[in-house]
Amino acid sequence: MKKITIMIYLSIVFILVGCSTNEESTNGSPIESTSQDKSEIDNNNSASTSEESENNNTDITSSENSDLNVDDEEDKDSLSQYSSEQIEYARVWLQLGPNQEIDELYVNHISAGELINPNDDTSATYPEDVIQLSGSRLVDGSVTYSGNGDGTINVYNVPLRWDGIPPEELEEGVMRKETEKIIENTESVYIDPADDEDVIRLIELQNNH
């Protein structure tokens, strides 16, 4: 009887131990699965965040490039409303004009064959069409030149006003020689593009006549 009781007791203990082990094993599986799922979620979130960051960086870079392109186009088009002649006059004065603080920029067109010294009939004549730029005051000086169409100009060292000895008091042929020297000693000068804002400022001061 005692043996039977002990055997029943041991059987119950084994059954309880087995149930406990199975329960722990069963309970362990969801925890392990949950941990794995959490790791996968974290990896997915990390990948998603990385992708969003790359997309944001791409958008920023694209936006910056777009802004740069707009700026380039604006710079390119800032002079588009003006003629090439207006731009040329402004650039020439910016580089060669004796006085930059002028109220107006006068543009005088002189045809080939006109007298270099208009006050003396014995003066040599211009061999080509020229442009004479000057300010509104005598102190502003002048620039007399012809364009070559390649970014360079021929500069004639001609005074704005021919003061001095009256033509009738000069020896015969003196004025002719002096004005011929001006033609022989023209200087070829390359004109820089200059800053667009400065060019526009002088274009707005131009007065063609």
N, C-alpha and C. Protein backbone atom coordinates (compact mmCIF):
# COMPACT_ATOMS: atom_id res chain seq x y z
N MET A 1 0.81 -1.21 0.00
CA MET A 1 0.00 0.00 0.00
C MET A 1 0.84 1.26 0.00
N LYS A 2 1.90 1.22 0.83
CA LYS A 2 2.81 2.38 0.89
C LYS A 2 3.52 2.56 -0.44
N LYS A 3 3.92 1.45 -1.06
CA LYS A 3 4.61 1.53 -2.34
C LYS A 3 3.72 2.17 -3.40
N ILE A 4 2.44 1.73 -3.37
CA ILE A 4 1.49 2.28 -4.35
C ILE A 4 1.32 3.77 -4.13
N THR A 5 1.23 4.17 -2.90
CA THR A 5 1.05 5.60 -2.56
C THR A 5 2.26 6.40 -3.00
N ILE A 6 3.46 5.87 -2.75
CA ILE A 6 4.70 6.57 -3.14
C ILE A 6 4.77 6.70 -4.65
N MET A 7 4.41 5.60 -5.37
CA MET A 7 4.48 5.63 -6.82
C MET A 7 3.51 6.66 -7.38
N ILE A 8 2.29 6.72 -6.77
CA ILE A 8 1.30 7.72 -7.23
C ILE A 8 1.83 9.13 -6.98
N TYR A 9 2.45 9.29 -5.82
CA TYR A 9 3.01 10.62 -5.47
C TYR A 9 4.08 11.03 -6.46
N LEU A 10 4.99 10.10 -6.76
CA LEU A 10 6.08 10.41 -7.69
C LEU A 10 5.53 10.71 -9.08
N SER A 11 4.50 9.96 -9.48
CA SER A 11 3.89 10.19 -10.79
C SER A 11 3.32 11.59 -10.89
N ILE A 12 2.64 12.00 -9.78
CA ILE A 12 2.06 13.36 -9.76
C ILE A 12 3.15 14.41 -9.85
N VAL A 13 4.27 14.18 -9.12
CA VAL A 13 5.40 15.13 -9.13
C VAL A 13 5.98 15.24 -10.54
N PHE A 14 6.19 14.05 -11.18
CA PHE A 14 6.74 14.06 -12.53
C PHE A 14 5.82 14.80 -13.50
N ILE A 15 4.52 14.57 -13.32
CA ILE A 15 3.54 15.23 -14.20
C ILE A 15 3.60 16.74 -14.02
N LEU A 16 3.70 17.19 -12.72
CA LEU A 16 3.75 18.63 -12.44
C LEU A 16 5.03 19.25 -12.98
N VAL A 17 6.14 18.52 -12.80
CA VAL A 17 7.42 19.02 -13.31
C VAL A 17 7.38 19.13 -14.82
N GLY A 18 6.81 18.13 -15.49
CA GLY A 18 6.71 18.14 -16.95
C GLY A 18 5.85 19.28 -17.45
N CYS A 19 4.76 19.53 -16.74
CA CYS A 19 3.88 20.63 -17.14
C CYS A 19 4.58 21.96 -16.99
N SER A 20 5.32 22.07 -15.87
CA SER A 20 6.04 23.33 -15.63
C SER A 20 7.08 23.60 -16.71
N THR A 21 7.80 22.50 -17.10
CA THR A 21 8.83 22.64 -18.14
C THR A 21 8.22 23.02 -19.46
N ASN A 22 7.11 22.36 -19.80
CA ASN A 22 6.44 22.68 -21.07
C ASN A 22 5.93 24.10 -21.10
N GLU A 23 5.43 24.56 -19.92
CA GLU A 23 4.89 25.92 -19.84
C GLU A 23 5.98 26.95 -20.02
N GLU A 24 7.18 26.68 -19.36
CA GLU A 24 8.29 27.61 -19.51
C GLU A 24 8.75 27.65 -20.96
N SER A 25 8.80 26.44 -21.59
CA SER A 25 9.23 26.37 -22.99
C SER A 25 8.26 27.11 -23.88
N THR A 26 6.95 26.93 -23.59
CA THR A 26 5.92 27.59 -24.39
C THR A 26 5.97 29.09 -24.21
N ASN A 27 6.16 29.50 -22.93
CA ASN A 27 6.23 30.94 -22.63
C ASN A 27 7.47 31.56 -23.22
N GLY A 28 8.57 30.82 -23.33
CA GLY A 28 9.84 31.37 -23.84
C GLY A 28 9.76 31.70 -25.30
N SER A 29 9.00 31.01 -26.06
CA SER A 29 8.95 31.18 -27.49
C SER A 29 8.41 32.55 -27.89
N PRO A 30 7.29 33.00 -27.29
CA PRO A 30 6.78 34.32 -27.66
C PRO A 30 7.77 35.43 -27.31
N ILE A 31 8.47 35.36 -26.22
CA ILE A 31 9.42 36.38 -25.82
C ILE A 31 10.53 36.48 -26.86
N GLU A 32 11.06 35.29 -27.22
CA GLU A 32 12.14 35.26 -28.22
C GLU A 32 11.64 35.81 -29.55
N SER A 33 10.42 35.45 -29.91
CA SER A 33 9.84 35.94 -31.16
C SER A 33 9.64 37.44 -31.12
N THR A 34 9.16 37.93 -29.95
CA THR A 34 8.92 39.37 -29.78
C THR A 34 10.21 40.14 -29.91
N SER A 35 11.29 39.60 -29.29
CA SER A 35 12.60 40.25 -29.37
C SER A 35 13.09 40.32 -30.80
N GLN A 36 12.89 39.23 -31.54
CA GLN A 36 13.32 39.18 -32.95
C GLN A 36 12.51 40.16 -33.78
N ASP A 37 11.18 40.19 -33.52
CA ASP A 37 10.32 41.12 -34.26
C ASP A 37 10.73 42.55 -33.99
N LYS A 38 11.05 42.86 -32.71
CA LYS A 38 11.47 44.21 -32.35
C LYS A 38 12.74 44.59 -33.08
N SER A 39 13.69 43.63 -33.18
CA SER A 39 14.95 43.90 -33.88
C SER A 39 14.68 44.21 -35.34
N GLU A 40 13.76 43.41 -35.96
CA GLU A 40 13.42 43.66 -37.36
C GLU A 40 12.77 45.01 -37.53
N ILE A 41 11.90 45.39 -36.60
CA ILE A 41 11.23 46.70 -36.66
C ILE A 41 12.24 47.82 -36.56
N ASP A 42 13.22 47.65 -35.58
CA ASP A 42 14.25 48.66 -35.41
C ASP A 42 15.08 48.81 -36.69
N ASN A 43 15.42 47.67 -37.31
CA ASN A 43 16.20 47.70 -38.55
C ASN A 43 15.43 48.40 -39.66
N ASN A 44 14.11 48.08 -39.74
CA ASN A 44 13.27 48.71 -40.76
C ASN A 44 13.17 50.21 -40.55
N ASN A 45 12.99 50.61 -39.26
CA ASN A 45 12.91 52.04 -38.93
C ASN A 45 14.20 52.75 -39.28
N SER A 46 15.35 52.05 -38.97
CA SER A 46 16.66 52.64 -39.26
C SER A 46 16.84 52.83 -40.75
N ALA A 47 16.44 51.81 -41.52
CA ALA A 47 16.57 51.90 -42.97
C ALA A 47 15.68 53.00 -43.53
N SER A 48 14.44 53.09 -42.95
CA SER A 48 13.51 54.11 -43.41
C SER A 48 14.04 55.50 -43.11
N THR A 49 14.61 55.67 -41.87
CA THR A 49 15.17 56.97 -41.49
C THR A 49 16.33 57.34 -42.38
N SER A 50 17.20 56.35 -42.67
CA SER A 50 18.36 56.60 -43.54
C SER A 50 17.91 57.01 -44.93
N GLU A 51 16.86 56.32 -45.44
CA GLU A 51 16.36 56.63 -46.78
C GLU A 51 15.75 58.03 -46.81
N GLU A 52 14.99 58.38 -45.73
CA GLU A 52 14.40 59.72 -45.67
C GLU A 52 15.48 60.77 -45.62
N SER A 53 16.56 60.50 -44.84
CA SER A 53 17.66 61.46 -44.73
C SER A 53 18.33 61.69 -46.06
N GLU A 54 18.56 60.56 -46.81
CA GLU A 54 19.17 60.68 -48.14
C GLU A 54 18.28 61.47 -49.08
N ASN A 55 16.95 61.19 -48.99
CA ASN A 55 16.01 61.91 -49.86
C ASN A 55 16.01 63.39 -49.54
N ASN A 56 16.06 63.71 -48.21
CA ASN A 56 16.07 65.12 -47.79
C ASN A 56 17.33 65.82 -48.29
N ASN A 57 18.49 65.11 -48.14
CA ASN A 57 19.75 65.69 -48.60
C ASN A 57 19.72 65.91 -50.11
N THR A 58 19.13 64.92 -50.81
CA THR A 58 19.02 65.06 -52.27
C THR A 58 18.16 66.25 -52.63
N ASP A 59 17.03 66.41 -51.88
CA ASP A 59 16.14 67.54 -52.15
C ASP A 59 16.83 68.85 -51.90
N ILE A 60 17.63 68.93 -50.79
CA ILE A 60 18.35 70.17 -50.45
C ILE A 60 19.36 70.49 -51.53
N THR A 61 20.15 69.46 -51.93
CA THR A 61 21.16 69.67 -52.98
C THR A 61 20.52 70.11 -54.28
N SER A 62 19.38 69.45 -54.60
CA SER A 62 18.68 69.80 -55.83
C SER A 62 18.18 71.22 -55.76
N SER A 63 17.68 71.62 -54.58
CA SER A 63 17.19 72.98 -54.40
C SER A 63 18.30 73.99 -54.53
N GLU A 64 19.48 73.67 -53.92
CA GLU A 64 20.62 74.58 -54.00
C GLU A 64 21.08 74.73 -55.44
N ASN A 65 21.17 73.60 -56.17
CA ASN A 65 21.58 73.66 -57.57
C ASN A 65 20.60 74.48 -58.38
N SER A 66 19.31 74.31 -58.05
CA SER A 66 18.28 75.07 -58.76
C SER A 66 18.45 76.55 -58.52
N ASP A 67 18.72 76.93 -57.25
CA ASP A 67 18.92 78.34 -56.92
C ASP A 67 20.13 78.89 -57.64
N LEU A 68 21.21 78.10 -57.72
CA LEU A 68 22.42 78.55 -58.41
C LEU A 68 22.13 78.77 -59.88
N ASN A 69 21.36 77.86 -60.46
CA ASN A 69 21.03 78.00 -61.87
C ASN A 69 20.21 79.25 -62.11
N VAL A 70 19.29 79.54 -61.19
CA VAL A 70 18.48 80.74 -61.32
C VAL A 70 19.35 81.98 -61.24
N ASP A 71 20.29 81.98 -60.26
CA ASP A 71 21.20 83.12 -60.12
C ASP A 71 22.03 83.31 -61.37
N ASP A 72 22.53 82.19 -61.93
CA ASP A 72 23.33 82.27 -63.16
C ASP A 72 22.51 82.86 -64.29
N GLU A 73 21.24 82.42 -64.39
CA GLU A 73 20.39 82.92 -65.45
C GLU A 73 20.11 84.40 -65.26
N GLU A 74 19.90 84.82 -63.98
CA GLU A 74 19.65 86.22 -63.71
C GLU A 74 20.84 87.07 -64.08
N ASP A 75 22.08 86.59 -63.71
CA ASP A 75 23.29 87.31 -64.07
C ASP A 75 23.43 87.40 -65.59
N LYS A 76 23.11 86.28 -66.24
CA LYS A 76 23.25 86.22 -67.69
C LYS A 76 22.29 87.17 -68.37
N ASP A 77 21.08 87.32 -67.83
CA ASP A 77 20.05 88.11 -68.46
C ASP A 77 20.02 89.56 -67.98
N SER A 78 20.86 89.94 -67.03
CA SER A 78 20.79 91.28 -66.46
C SER A 78 21.08 92.37 -67.48
N LEU A 79 21.86 92.06 -68.52
CA LEU A 79 22.19 93.04 -69.56
C LEU A 79 21.43 92.81 -70.86
N SER A 80 20.54 91.81 -70.86
CA SER A 80 19.87 91.41 -72.11
C SER A 80 18.95 92.49 -72.66
N GLN A 81 18.49 93.40 -71.81
CA GLN A 81 17.57 94.43 -72.27
C GLN A 81 18.28 95.62 -72.93
N TYR A 82 19.62 95.60 -72.90
CA TYR A 82 20.40 96.69 -73.47
C TYR A 82 21.09 96.24 -74.76
N SER A 83 21.37 97.22 -75.62
CA SER A 83 22.05 96.91 -76.89
C SER A 83 23.54 96.69 -76.64
N SER A 84 24.17 96.01 -77.59
CA SER A 84 25.61 95.75 -77.47
C SER A 84 26.39 97.07 -77.49
N GLU A 85 25.88 98.07 -78.23
CA GLU A 85 26.55 99.38 -78.28
C GLU A 85 26.52 100.07 -76.92
N GLN A 86 25.35 100.04 -76.27
CA GLN A 86 25.22 100.67 -74.94
C GLN A 86 26.17 100.03 -73.94
N ILE A 87 26.24 98.71 -73.99
CA ILE A 87 27.13 97.98 -73.09
C ILE A 87 28.58 98.34 -73.37
N GLU A 88 28.93 98.43 -74.66
CA GLU A 88 30.30 98.77 -75.05
C GLU A 88 30.70 100.15 -74.54
N TYR A 89 29.84 101.15 -74.73
CA TYR A 89 30.17 102.50 -74.29
C TYR A 89 30.43 102.54 -72.79
N ALA A 90 29.58 101.84 -72.05
CA ALA A 90 29.72 101.82 -70.59
C ALA A 90 31.03 101.15 -70.18
N ARG A 91 31.35 100.03 -70.80
CA ARG A 91 32.58 99.29 -70.44
C ARG A 91 33.84 100.08 -70.79
N VAL A 92 33.79 100.76 -71.94
CA VAL A 92 34.95 101.56 -72.34
C VAL A 92 35.19 102.68 -71.34
N TRP A 93 34.11 103.36 -70.94
CA TRP A 93 34.28 104.46 -69.97
C TRP A 93 34.73 103.93 -68.61
N LEU A 94 34.20 102.81 -68.19
CA LEU A 94 34.59 102.24 -66.91
C LEU A 94 36.09 101.94 -66.86
N GLN A 95 36.65 101.54 -67.98
CA GLN A 95 38.06 101.19 -68.01
C GLN A 95 38.97 102.38 -68.34
N LEU A 96 38.52 103.28 -69.20
CA LEU A 96 39.41 104.32 -69.70
C LEU A 96 38.96 105.75 -69.36
N GLY A 97 37.75 105.91 -68.90
CA GLY A 97 37.25 107.26 -68.60
C GLY A 97 38.07 107.93 -67.51
N PRO A 98 38.53 109.17 -67.72
CA PRO A 98 39.35 109.88 -66.73
C PRO A 98 38.62 110.11 -65.40
N ASN A 99 37.31 110.33 -65.46
CA ASN A 99 36.53 110.59 -64.25
C ASN A 99 35.30 109.68 -64.23
N GLN A 100 35.18 108.89 -63.19
CA GLN A 100 34.05 107.96 -63.08
C GLN A 100 32.82 108.60 -62.42
N GLU A 101 33.02 109.71 -61.74
CA GLU A 101 31.90 110.38 -61.06
C GLU A 101 31.30 111.41 -62.01
N ILE A 102 30.55 110.94 -62.98
CA ILE A 102 29.97 111.83 -63.98
C ILE A 102 28.46 111.88 -63.83
N ASP A 103 27.88 112.98 -64.32
CA ASP A 103 26.43 113.15 -64.28
C ASP A 103 25.77 112.58 -65.52
N GLU A 104 26.47 112.67 -66.65
CA GLU A 104 25.99 112.12 -67.92
C GLU A 104 27.17 111.58 -68.71
N LEU A 105 26.88 110.62 -69.58
CA LEU A 105 27.90 110.08 -70.47
C LEU A 105 27.46 110.38 -71.91
N TYR A 106 28.11 111.37 -72.50
CA TYR A 106 27.76 111.77 -73.86
C TYR A 106 28.44 110.83 -74.86
N VAL A 107 27.69 110.42 -75.86
CA VAL A 107 28.20 109.53 -76.92
C VAL A 107 28.09 110.27 -78.25
N ASN A 108 29.25 110.60 -78.82
CA ASN A 108 29.28 111.35 -80.07
C ASN A 108 29.84 110.47 -81.19
N HIS A 109 29.07 110.31 -82.26
CA HIS A 109 29.48 109.48 -83.39
C HIS A 109 30.16 110.38 -84.43
N ILE A 110 31.40 110.04 -84.78
CA ILE A 110 32.17 110.82 -85.76
C ILE A 110 32.47 109.92 -86.96
N SER A 111 32.10 110.38 -88.12
CA SER A 111 32.26 109.56 -89.33
C SER A 111 33.67 109.65 -89.89
N ALA A 112 34.05 108.61 -90.62
CA ALA A 112 35.34 108.62 -91.32
C ALA A 112 35.38 109.80 -92.28
N GLY A 113 36.55 110.48 -92.34
CA GLY A 113 36.70 111.64 -93.23
C GLY A 113 36.50 112.96 -92.52
N GLU A 114 35.96 112.94 -91.30
CA GLU A 114 35.80 114.20 -90.56
C GLU A 114 37.14 114.62 -89.96
N LEU A 115 37.30 115.93 -89.77
CA LEU A 115 38.55 116.48 -89.26
C LEU A 115 38.80 116.04 -87.82
N ILE A 116 40.04 115.66 -87.53
CA ILE A 116 40.40 115.32 -86.15
C ILE A 116 40.31 116.57 -85.28
N ASN A 117 40.83 117.69 -85.81
CA ASN A 117 40.65 118.98 -85.16
C ASN A 117 39.62 119.75 -85.97
N PRO A 118 38.38 119.77 -85.49
CA PRO A 118 37.31 120.41 -86.28
C PRO A 118 37.49 121.92 -86.44
N ASN A 119 38.43 122.49 -85.69
CA ASN A 119 38.65 123.93 -85.78
C ASN A 119 39.72 124.32 -86.81
N ASP A 120 40.32 123.33 -87.46
CA ASP A 120 41.42 123.61 -88.39
C ASP A 120 41.25 122.79 -89.66
N ASP A 121 41.08 123.49 -90.77
CA ASP A 121 40.85 122.80 -92.04
C ASP A 121 42.08 122.03 -92.52
N THR A 122 43.26 122.36 -91.95
CA THR A 122 44.48 121.65 -92.38
C THR A 122 44.69 120.36 -91.60
N SER A 123 43.79 120.06 -90.65
CA SER A 123 43.91 118.85 -89.83
C SER A 123 43.74 117.60 -90.67
N ALA A 124 44.39 116.53 -90.24
CA ALA A 124 44.15 115.23 -90.85
C ALA A 124 42.74 114.77 -90.50
N THR A 125 42.23 113.82 -91.22
CA THR A 125 40.87 113.32 -90.98
C THR A 125 40.91 111.90 -90.43
N TYR A 126 39.80 111.53 -89.79
CA TYR A 126 39.69 110.17 -89.25
C TYR A 126 39.63 109.16 -90.40
N PRO A 127 40.43 108.10 -90.33
CA PRO A 127 40.41 107.08 -91.39
C PRO A 127 39.25 106.10 -91.25
N GLU A 128 38.49 106.19 -90.18
CA GLU A 128 37.39 105.26 -89.91
C GLU A 128 36.37 105.94 -89.01
N ASP A 129 35.21 105.32 -88.90
CA ASP A 129 34.20 105.84 -87.96
C ASP A 129 34.71 105.65 -86.54
N VAL A 130 34.50 106.67 -85.70
CA VAL A 130 34.94 106.58 -84.30
C VAL A 130 33.82 107.03 -83.37
N ILE A 131 33.99 106.70 -82.12
CA ILE A 131 33.08 107.11 -81.05
C ILE A 131 33.87 107.98 -80.08
N GLN A 132 33.27 109.11 -79.69
CA GLN A 132 33.90 109.94 -78.67
C GLN A 132 32.97 110.00 -77.45
N LEU A 133 33.47 109.48 -76.33
CA LEU A 133 32.73 109.50 -75.07
C LEU A 133 33.24 110.64 -74.21
N SER A 134 32.33 111.32 -73.55
CA SER A 134 32.74 112.43 -72.67
C SER A 134 31.71 112.66 -71.60
N GLY A 135 32.12 113.31 -70.52
CA GLY A 135 31.19 113.68 -69.46
C GLY A 135 30.55 115.02 -69.77
N SER A 136 29.72 115.48 -68.86
CA SER A 136 29.03 116.76 -69.07
C SER A 136 29.92 117.95 -68.75
N ARG A 137 31.06 117.71 -68.10
CA ARG A 137 31.99 118.78 -67.75
C ARG A 137 33.33 118.55 -68.43
N LEU A 138 34.07 119.63 -68.66
CA LEU A 138 35.37 119.51 -69.32
C LEU A 138 36.34 118.67 -68.48
N VAL A 139 36.22 118.78 -67.16
CA VAL A 139 37.11 118.05 -66.26
C VAL A 139 36.89 116.54 -66.34
N ASP A 140 35.74 116.13 -66.87
CA ASP A 140 35.45 114.69 -66.98
C ASP A 140 36.31 114.00 -68.03
N GLY A 141 36.86 114.78 -68.96
CA GLY A 141 37.71 114.21 -70.00
C GLY A 141 36.92 113.51 -71.09
N SER A 142 37.63 112.75 -71.93
CA SER A 142 36.98 112.07 -73.05
C SER A 142 37.78 110.83 -73.46
N VAL A 143 37.11 109.96 -74.21
CA VAL A 143 37.76 108.78 -74.81
C VAL A 143 37.28 108.70 -76.25
N THR A 144 38.22 108.71 -77.20
CA THR A 144 37.87 108.60 -78.62
C THR A 144 38.43 107.29 -79.14
N TYR A 145 37.59 106.48 -79.75
CA TYR A 145 38.03 105.14 -80.15
C TYR A 145 37.19 104.58 -81.29
N SER A 146 37.68 103.50 -81.87
CA SER A 146 36.91 102.70 -82.82
C SER A 146 36.93 101.26 -82.33
N GLY A 147 35.82 100.54 -82.54
CA GLY A 147 35.75 99.15 -82.11
C GLY A 147 36.23 98.20 -83.17
N ASN A 148 36.84 97.09 -82.74
CA ASN A 148 37.34 96.08 -83.68
C ASN A 148 36.44 94.85 -83.76
N GLY A 149 35.42 94.79 -82.91
CA GLY A 149 34.50 93.66 -82.94
C GLY A 149 35.02 92.39 -82.30
N ASP A 150 36.18 92.48 -81.63
CA ASP A 150 36.76 91.29 -80.98
C ASP A 150 37.11 91.53 -79.51
N GLY A 151 36.48 92.54 -78.93
CA GLY A 151 36.77 92.86 -77.53
C GLY A 151 37.86 93.90 -77.36
N THR A 152 38.48 94.32 -78.48
CA THR A 152 39.51 95.35 -78.42
C THR A 152 39.04 96.61 -79.14
N ILE A 153 39.65 97.73 -78.80
CA ILE A 153 39.34 98.99 -79.46
C ILE A 153 40.63 99.70 -79.83
N ASN A 154 40.55 100.60 -80.79
CA ASN A 154 41.68 101.45 -81.16
C ASN A 154 41.46 102.83 -80.53
N VAL A 155 42.33 103.21 -79.62
CA VAL A 155 42.15 104.46 -78.90
C VAL A 155 42.95 105.58 -79.59
N TYR A 156 42.25 106.68 -79.87
CA TYR A 156 42.87 107.87 -80.47
C TYR A 156 43.10 108.89 -79.35
N ASN A 157 44.33 109.36 -79.23
CA ASN A 157 44.66 110.33 -78.19
C ASN A 157 44.27 111.74 -78.64
N VAL A 158 42.95 111.97 -78.66
CA VAL A 158 42.41 113.25 -79.14
C VAL A 158 41.87 114.03 -77.95
N PRO A 159 42.26 115.32 -77.82
CA PRO A 159 41.71 116.14 -76.73
C PRO A 159 40.24 116.46 -76.96
N LEU A 160 39.51 116.66 -75.89
CA LEU A 160 38.10 117.01 -76.02
C LEU A 160 37.94 118.40 -76.64
N ARG A 161 38.84 119.31 -76.25
CA ARG A 161 38.83 120.67 -76.81
C ARG A 161 40.24 121.03 -77.29
N TRP A 162 40.29 121.66 -78.46
CA TRP A 162 41.57 122.04 -79.06
C TRP A 162 41.86 123.51 -78.72
N ASP A 163 42.33 123.72 -77.51
CA ASP A 163 42.71 125.08 -77.12
C ASP A 163 44.18 125.32 -77.43
N GLY A 164 44.61 126.56 -77.42
CA GLY A 164 46.01 126.88 -77.66
C GLY A 164 46.17 127.93 -78.73
N ILE A 165 47.17 127.74 -79.54
CA ILE A 165 47.47 128.72 -80.58
C ILE A 165 46.41 128.65 -81.68
N PRO A 166 45.83 129.77 -82.07
CA PRO A 166 44.86 129.78 -83.17
C PRO A 166 45.47 129.22 -84.45
N PRO A 167 44.69 128.53 -85.28
CA PRO A 167 45.20 127.91 -86.50
C PRO A 167 45.96 128.88 -87.41
N GLU A 168 45.48 130.12 -87.48
CA GLU A 168 46.13 131.07 -88.39
C GLU A 168 47.52 131.48 -87.93
N GLU A 169 47.84 131.24 -86.66
CA GLU A 169 49.14 131.61 -86.14
C GLU A 169 50.14 130.44 -86.18
N LEU A 170 49.68 129.29 -86.56
CA LEU A 170 50.57 128.13 -86.65
C LEU A 170 51.30 128.12 -87.99
N GLU A 171 52.48 127.56 -87.97
CA GLU A 171 53.22 127.40 -89.22
C GLU A 171 52.47 126.42 -90.12
N GLU A 172 52.60 126.60 -91.39
CA GLU A 172 51.89 125.75 -92.34
C GLU A 172 52.31 124.29 -92.19
N GLY A 173 51.33 123.44 -92.09
CA GLY A 173 51.58 122.01 -92.02
C GLY A 173 51.75 121.44 -90.62
N VAL A 174 51.84 122.33 -89.60
CA VAL A 174 52.06 121.86 -88.22
C VAL A 174 50.87 121.03 -87.73
N MET A 175 49.67 121.57 -87.90
CA MET A 175 48.47 120.85 -87.44
C MET A 175 48.30 119.53 -88.18
N ARG A 176 48.63 119.55 -89.43
CA ARG A 176 48.52 118.32 -90.22
C ARG A 176 49.41 117.23 -89.64
N LYS A 177 50.64 117.61 -89.34
CA LYS A 177 51.60 116.64 -88.81
C LYS A 177 51.15 116.12 -87.44
N GLU A 178 50.69 117.02 -86.60
CA GLU A 178 50.29 116.64 -85.25
C GLU A 178 49.09 115.68 -85.28
N THR A 179 48.15 115.96 -86.12
CA THR A 179 46.96 115.09 -86.18
C THR A 179 47.26 113.76 -86.87
N GLU A 180 48.21 113.78 -87.79
CA GLU A 180 48.63 112.51 -88.41
C GLU A 180 49.33 111.61 -87.40
N LYS A 181 50.05 112.23 -86.45
CA LYS A 181 50.71 111.46 -85.39
C LYS A 181 49.67 110.74 -84.52
N ILE A 182 48.55 111.41 -84.32
CA ILE A 182 47.47 110.80 -83.52
C ILE A 182 47.00 109.51 -84.20
N ILE A 183 46.85 109.55 -85.51
CA ILE A 183 46.41 108.36 -86.24
C ILE A 183 47.46 107.26 -86.19
N GLU A 184 48.71 107.66 -86.36
CA GLU A 184 49.80 106.67 -86.37
C GLU A 184 50.02 106.02 -85.02
N ASN A 185 49.67 106.72 -83.96
CA ASN A 185 49.94 106.22 -82.60
C ASN A 185 48.69 105.73 -81.87
N THR A 186 47.70 105.29 -82.63
CA THR A 186 46.53 104.71 -81.96
C THR A 186 46.96 103.47 -81.18
N GLU A 187 46.29 103.25 -80.07
CA GLU A 187 46.64 102.12 -79.18
C GLU A 187 45.51 101.10 -79.15
N SER A 188 45.85 99.84 -79.34
CA SER A 188 44.86 98.77 -79.25
C SER A 188 44.74 98.34 -77.79
N VAL A 189 43.52 98.37 -77.28
CA VAL A 189 43.26 98.07 -75.87
C VAL A 189 42.14 97.03 -75.76
N TYR A 190 42.37 96.01 -74.93
CA TYR A 190 41.31 95.03 -74.65
C TYR A 190 40.42 95.58 -73.53
N ILE A 191 39.11 95.52 -73.74
CA ILE A 191 38.16 96.05 -72.77
C ILE A 191 37.58 94.91 -71.93
N ASP A 192 37.75 95.02 -70.62
CA ASP A 192 37.23 94.01 -69.70
C ASP A 192 35.70 94.10 -69.62
N PRO A 193 35.03 92.97 -69.34
CA PRO A 193 33.56 92.98 -69.25
C PRO A 193 33.03 93.90 -68.14
N ALA A 194 33.74 93.98 -67.02
CA ALA A 194 33.35 94.83 -65.88
C ALA A 194 32.12 94.28 -65.17
N ASP A 195 31.80 94.86 -64.03
CA ASP A 195 30.66 94.43 -63.22
C ASP A 195 29.36 94.89 -63.86
N ASP A 196 28.37 94.00 -63.90
CA ASP A 196 27.10 94.33 -64.56
C ASP A 196 26.42 95.54 -63.95
N GLU A 197 26.46 95.67 -62.63
CA GLU A 197 25.79 96.80 -61.98
C GLU A 197 26.43 98.12 -62.38
N ASP A 198 27.76 98.15 -62.48
CA ASP A 198 28.46 99.36 -62.91
C ASP A 198 28.13 99.68 -64.37
N VAL A 199 28.05 98.65 -65.18
CA VAL A 199 27.71 98.84 -66.59
C VAL A 199 26.32 99.44 -66.73
N ILE A 200 25.37 98.88 -66.00
CA ILE A 200 23.99 99.38 -66.07
C ILE A 200 23.90 100.82 -65.59
N ARG A 201 24.64 101.13 -64.53
CA ARG A 201 24.64 102.51 -64.00
C ARG A 201 25.07 103.51 -65.08
N LEU A 202 26.11 103.18 -65.84
CA LEU A 202 26.59 104.09 -66.89
C LEU A 202 25.69 104.08 -68.12
N ILE A 203 25.05 102.95 -68.38
CA ILE A 203 24.10 102.91 -69.50
C ILE A 203 22.97 103.90 -69.24
N GLU A 204 22.52 103.95 -68.00
CA GLU A 204 21.43 104.85 -67.65
C GLU A 204 21.82 106.32 -67.70
N LEU A 205 23.14 106.61 -67.75
CA LEU A 205 23.63 107.99 -67.85
C LEU A 205 23.93 108.40 -69.29
N GLN A 206 23.79 107.46 -70.22
CA GLN A 206 24.19 107.74 -71.60
C GLN A 206 23.25 108.72 -72.31
N ASN A 207 23.87 109.57 -73.11
CA ASN A 207 23.14 110.55 -73.90
C ASN A 207 23.74 110.58 -75.30
N ASN A 208 23.08 109.92 -76.24
CA ASN A 208 23.60 109.84 -77.62
C ASN A 208 23.28 111.10 -78.39
N HIS A 209 24.25 111.57 -79.12
CA HIS A 209 24.01 112.71 -80.01
C HIS A 209 25.02 112.71 -81.17
